[in-house]
Amino acid sequence: MKIEITRHAKERMRQYDIQEELVNSTLENPDSILGSYENRKIYQKKLNGYVIRVVVEEYKGIKVVLTVYKARSGRYEIQV
């Protein structure tokens, strides 16, 4: 599936020092996927005491990354 990253998500990636390869890895092999409002999904991956969260909307076979951020692992429970 094709992946597009919004300008906002790219800014967040710079802010949290998250590389595009990590975003792609999270989308391809997440530890968990949560439903969100409307048709959004949150892909999560554990990483060194943190959780990488990638918020995505899917349109016609394209995953559009809306935002990306890193949070402390205790803040979000990951179902593995």
N, C-alpha and C. Protein backbone atom coordinates (compact mmCIF):
# COMPACT_ATOMS: atom_id res chain seq x y z
N MET A 1 0.84 -1.18 0.00
CA MET A 1 0.00 0.00 0.00
C MET A 1 0.89 1.24 0.00
N LYS A 2 0.53 2.22 -0.77
CA LYS A 2 1.29 3.46 -0.86
C LYS A 2 1.12 4.27 0.42
N ILE A 3 2.20 4.98 0.82
CA ILE A 3 2.18 5.80 2.03
C ILE A 3 2.52 7.23 1.65
N GLU A 4 1.69 8.17 2.14
CA GLU A 4 1.97 9.59 1.99
C GLU A 4 2.07 10.20 3.38
N ILE A 5 3.02 11.10 3.57
CA ILE A 5 3.23 11.73 4.86
C ILE A 5 2.93 13.22 4.73
N THR A 6 2.01 13.71 5.55
CA THR A 6 1.63 15.13 5.48
C THR A 6 2.76 16.02 6.00
N ARG A 7 2.65 17.28 5.69
CA ARG A 7 3.65 18.26 6.16
C ARG A 7 3.67 18.29 7.68
N HIS A 8 2.49 18.26 8.29
CA HIS A 8 2.42 18.26 9.75
C HIS A 8 3.15 17.05 10.34
N ALA A 9 2.92 15.88 9.77
CA ALA A 9 3.59 14.67 10.26
C ALA A 9 5.10 14.78 10.10
N LYS A 10 5.56 15.35 9.00
CA LYS A 10 7.01 15.53 8.80
C LYS A 10 7.59 16.48 9.85
N GLU A 11 6.84 17.53 10.19
CA GLU A 11 7.30 18.45 11.23
C GLU A 11 7.40 17.74 12.57
N ARG A 12 6.41 16.91 12.88
CA ARG A 12 6.44 16.13 14.12
C ARG A 12 7.59 15.13 14.12
N MET A 13 7.88 14.52 12.99
CA MET A 13 9.00 13.59 12.90
C MET A 13 10.30 14.31 13.21
N ARG A 14 10.47 15.53 12.70
CA ARG A 14 11.67 16.31 13.02
C ARG A 14 11.70 16.65 14.51
N GLN A 15 10.56 17.08 15.05
CA GLN A 15 10.47 17.48 16.45
C GLN A 15 10.85 16.33 17.39
N TYR A 16 10.38 15.13 17.10
CA TYR A 16 10.63 13.97 17.95
C TYR A 16 11.82 13.13 17.49
N ASP A 17 12.52 13.59 16.46
CA ASP A 17 13.68 12.87 15.90
C ASP A 17 13.31 11.43 15.53
N ILE A 18 12.24 11.30 14.74
CA ILE A 18 11.76 10.01 14.26
C ILE A 18 12.04 9.93 12.77
N GLN A 19 12.78 8.92 12.36
CA GLN A 19 13.13 8.76 10.95
C GLN A 19 11.98 8.12 10.18
N GLU A 20 11.94 8.39 8.88
CA GLU A 20 10.89 7.83 8.03
C GLU A 20 10.91 6.30 8.03
N GLU A 21 12.09 5.71 8.15
CA GLU A 21 12.19 4.25 8.19
C GLU A 21 11.43 3.68 9.39
N LEU A 22 11.47 4.40 10.52
CA LEU A 22 10.76 3.94 11.72
C LEU A 22 9.25 4.06 11.52
N VAL A 23 8.81 5.11 10.86
CA VAL A 23 7.39 5.27 10.55
C VAL A 23 6.93 4.12 9.65
N ASN A 24 7.70 3.84 8.61
CA ASN A 24 7.35 2.74 7.70
C ASN A 24 7.33 1.39 8.44
N SER A 25 8.31 1.18 9.31
CA SER A 25 8.38 -0.06 10.08
C SER A 25 7.16 -0.19 11.00
N THR A 26 6.75 0.91 11.60
CA THR A 26 5.58 0.90 12.48
C THR A 26 4.32 0.56 11.69
N LEU A 27 4.21 1.09 10.48
CA LEU A 27 3.04 0.81 9.65
C LEU A 27 3.04 -0.62 9.13
N GLU A 28 4.21 -1.15 8.81
CA GLU A 28 4.31 -2.50 8.25
C GLU A 28 4.24 -3.59 9.30
N ASN A 29 4.75 -3.30 10.51
CA ASN A 29 4.82 -4.32 11.55
C ASN A 29 4.54 -3.70 12.92
N PRO A 30 3.31 -3.22 13.15
CA PRO A 30 3.00 -2.57 14.43
C PRO A 30 2.85 -3.57 15.57
N ASP A 31 3.07 -3.09 16.79
CA ASP A 31 2.78 -3.92 17.96
C ASP A 31 1.28 -3.94 18.21
N SER A 32 0.60 -2.87 17.83
CA SER A 32 -0.86 -2.84 17.94
C SER A 32 -1.43 -1.78 17.00
N ILE A 33 -2.71 -1.94 16.68
CA ILE A 33 -3.44 -0.97 15.86
C ILE A 33 -4.74 -0.67 16.59
N LEU A 34 -4.97 0.60 16.84
CA LEU A 34 -6.18 1.02 17.53
C LEU A 34 -7.09 1.76 16.57
N GLY A 35 -8.38 1.59 16.74
CA GLY A 35 -9.33 2.39 15.99
C GLY A 35 -9.42 3.76 16.62
N SER A 36 -9.74 4.74 15.84
CA SER A 36 -9.90 6.10 16.32
C SER A 36 -11.18 6.64 15.72
N TYR A 37 -11.43 7.92 15.90
CA TYR A 37 -12.66 8.47 15.34
C TYR A 37 -12.59 8.54 13.83
N GLU A 38 -13.77 8.61 13.23
CA GLU A 38 -13.94 8.57 11.77
C GLU A 38 -13.24 7.32 11.24
N ASN A 39 -12.44 7.44 10.21
CA ASN A 39 -11.79 6.25 9.64
C ASN A 39 -10.29 6.22 9.94
N ARG A 40 -9.89 6.83 11.04
CA ARG A 40 -8.47 6.86 11.41
C ARG A 40 -8.08 5.63 12.20
N LYS A 41 -6.79 5.29 12.07
CA LYS A 41 -6.20 4.20 12.85
C LYS A 41 -4.91 4.72 13.46
N ILE A 42 -4.59 4.18 14.63
CA ILE A 42 -3.34 4.55 15.30
C ILE A 42 -2.47 3.29 15.37
N TYR A 43 -1.35 3.34 14.67
CA TYR A 43 -0.38 2.25 14.67
C TYR A 43 0.63 2.54 15.77
N GLN A 44 0.92 1.54 16.60
CA GLN A 44 1.83 1.73 17.72
C GLN A 44 2.96 0.71 17.69
N LYS A 45 4.14 1.18 18.14
CA LYS A 45 5.29 0.30 18.22
C LYS A 45 6.11 0.69 19.45
N LYS A 46 6.50 -0.30 20.25
CA LYS A 46 7.35 -0.06 21.41
C LYS A 46 8.78 0.22 20.95
N LEU A 47 9.45 1.16 21.65
CA LEU A 47 10.82 1.49 21.29
C LEU A 47 11.52 2.10 22.49
N ASN A 48 12.43 1.37 23.11
CA ASN A 48 13.28 1.89 24.18
C ASN A 48 12.53 2.68 25.25
N GLY A 49 11.50 2.12 25.83
CA GLY A 49 10.76 2.79 26.88
C GLY A 49 9.73 3.79 26.38
N TYR A 50 9.61 3.91 25.08
CA TYR A 50 8.64 4.82 24.47
C TYR A 50 7.69 4.03 23.57
N VAL A 51 6.64 4.71 23.16
CA VAL A 51 5.72 4.18 22.18
C VAL A 51 5.69 5.17 21.02
N ILE A 52 5.95 4.68 19.82
CA ILE A 52 5.81 5.51 18.62
C ILE A 52 4.36 5.34 18.18
N ARG A 53 3.67 6.46 17.98
CA ARG A 53 2.27 6.42 17.54
C ARG A 53 2.16 7.13 16.20
N VAL A 54 1.59 6.44 15.23
CA VAL A 54 1.43 6.95 13.87
C VAL A 54 -0.07 6.96 13.57
N VAL A 55 -0.62 8.16 13.38
CA VAL A 55 -2.05 8.31 13.11
C VAL A 55 -2.26 8.39 11.60
N VAL A 56 -3.13 7.51 11.09
CA VAL A 56 -3.28 7.31 9.65
C VAL A 56 -4.75 7.33 9.25
N GLU A 57 -5.01 7.89 8.07
CA GLU A 57 -6.30 7.72 7.38
C GLU A 57 -6.01 7.02 6.07
N GLU A 58 -6.90 6.12 5.67
CA GLU A 58 -6.71 5.41 4.41
C GLU A 58 -7.71 5.88 3.38
N TYR A 59 -7.21 6.19 2.19
CA TYR A 59 -8.03 6.62 1.06
C TYR A 59 -7.63 5.85 -0.18
N LYS A 60 -8.53 5.10 -0.73
CA LYS A 60 -8.32 4.43 -2.02
C LYS A 60 -6.95 3.76 -2.11
N GLY A 61 -6.61 2.97 -1.11
CA GLY A 61 -5.35 2.24 -1.15
C GLY A 61 -4.12 3.04 -0.77
N ILE A 62 -4.31 4.23 -0.23
CA ILE A 62 -3.18 5.06 0.20
C ILE A 62 -3.32 5.31 1.70
N LYS A 63 -2.24 5.06 2.44
CA LYS A 63 -2.20 5.40 3.86
C LYS A 63 -1.63 6.80 3.96
N VAL A 64 -2.43 7.72 4.50
CA VAL A 64 -1.99 9.10 4.68
C VAL A 64 -1.63 9.28 6.16
N VAL A 65 -0.36 9.54 6.43
CA VAL A 65 0.12 9.73 7.79
C VAL A 65 -0.20 11.17 8.20
N LEU A 66 -1.08 11.32 9.19
CA LEU A 66 -1.52 12.64 9.63
C LEU A 66 -0.61 13.23 10.69
N THR A 67 -0.16 12.40 11.62
CA THR A 67 0.77 12.85 12.65
C THR A 67 1.54 11.67 13.20
N VAL A 68 2.66 11.98 13.82
CA VAL A 68 3.56 10.97 14.40
C VAL A 68 4.08 11.56 15.70
N TYR A 69 4.12 10.75 16.74
CA TYR A 69 4.74 11.26 17.96
C TYR A 69 5.22 10.11 18.83
N LYS A 70 6.06 10.49 19.78
CA LYS A 70 6.67 9.54 20.71
C LYS A 70 6.11 9.87 22.09
N ALA A 71 5.67 8.84 22.82
CA ALA A 71 5.12 9.03 24.16
C ALA A 71 5.76 8.01 25.11
N ARG A 72 5.74 8.34 26.38
CA ARG A 72 6.24 7.38 27.37
C ARG A 72 5.37 6.13 27.33
N SER A 73 6.00 4.98 27.45
CA SER A 73 5.27 3.72 27.28
C SER A 73 4.18 3.53 28.32
N GLY A 74 4.31 4.08 29.50
CA GLY A 74 3.27 3.95 30.51
C GLY A 74 2.02 4.74 30.21
N ARG A 75 2.12 5.69 29.32
CA ARG A 75 0.97 6.54 29.01
C ARG A 75 -0.07 5.80 28.15
N TYR A 76 0.38 4.95 27.27
CA TYR A 76 -0.51 4.22 26.38
C TYR A 76 -0.28 2.73 26.55
N GLU A 77 -1.32 2.02 26.83
CA GLU A 77 -1.23 0.57 26.98
C GLU A 77 -1.21 -0.07 25.60
N ILE A 78 -0.22 -0.90 25.35
CA ILE A 78 -0.12 -1.59 24.07
C ILE A 78 -0.57 -3.03 24.26
N GLN A 79 -1.49 -3.45 23.44
CA GLN A 79 -1.97 -4.82 23.42
C GLN A 79 -1.13 -5.58 22.40
N VAL A 80 -0.29 -6.50 22.87
CA VAL A 80 0.57 -7.24 21.96
C VAL A 80 0.08 -8.66 21.83
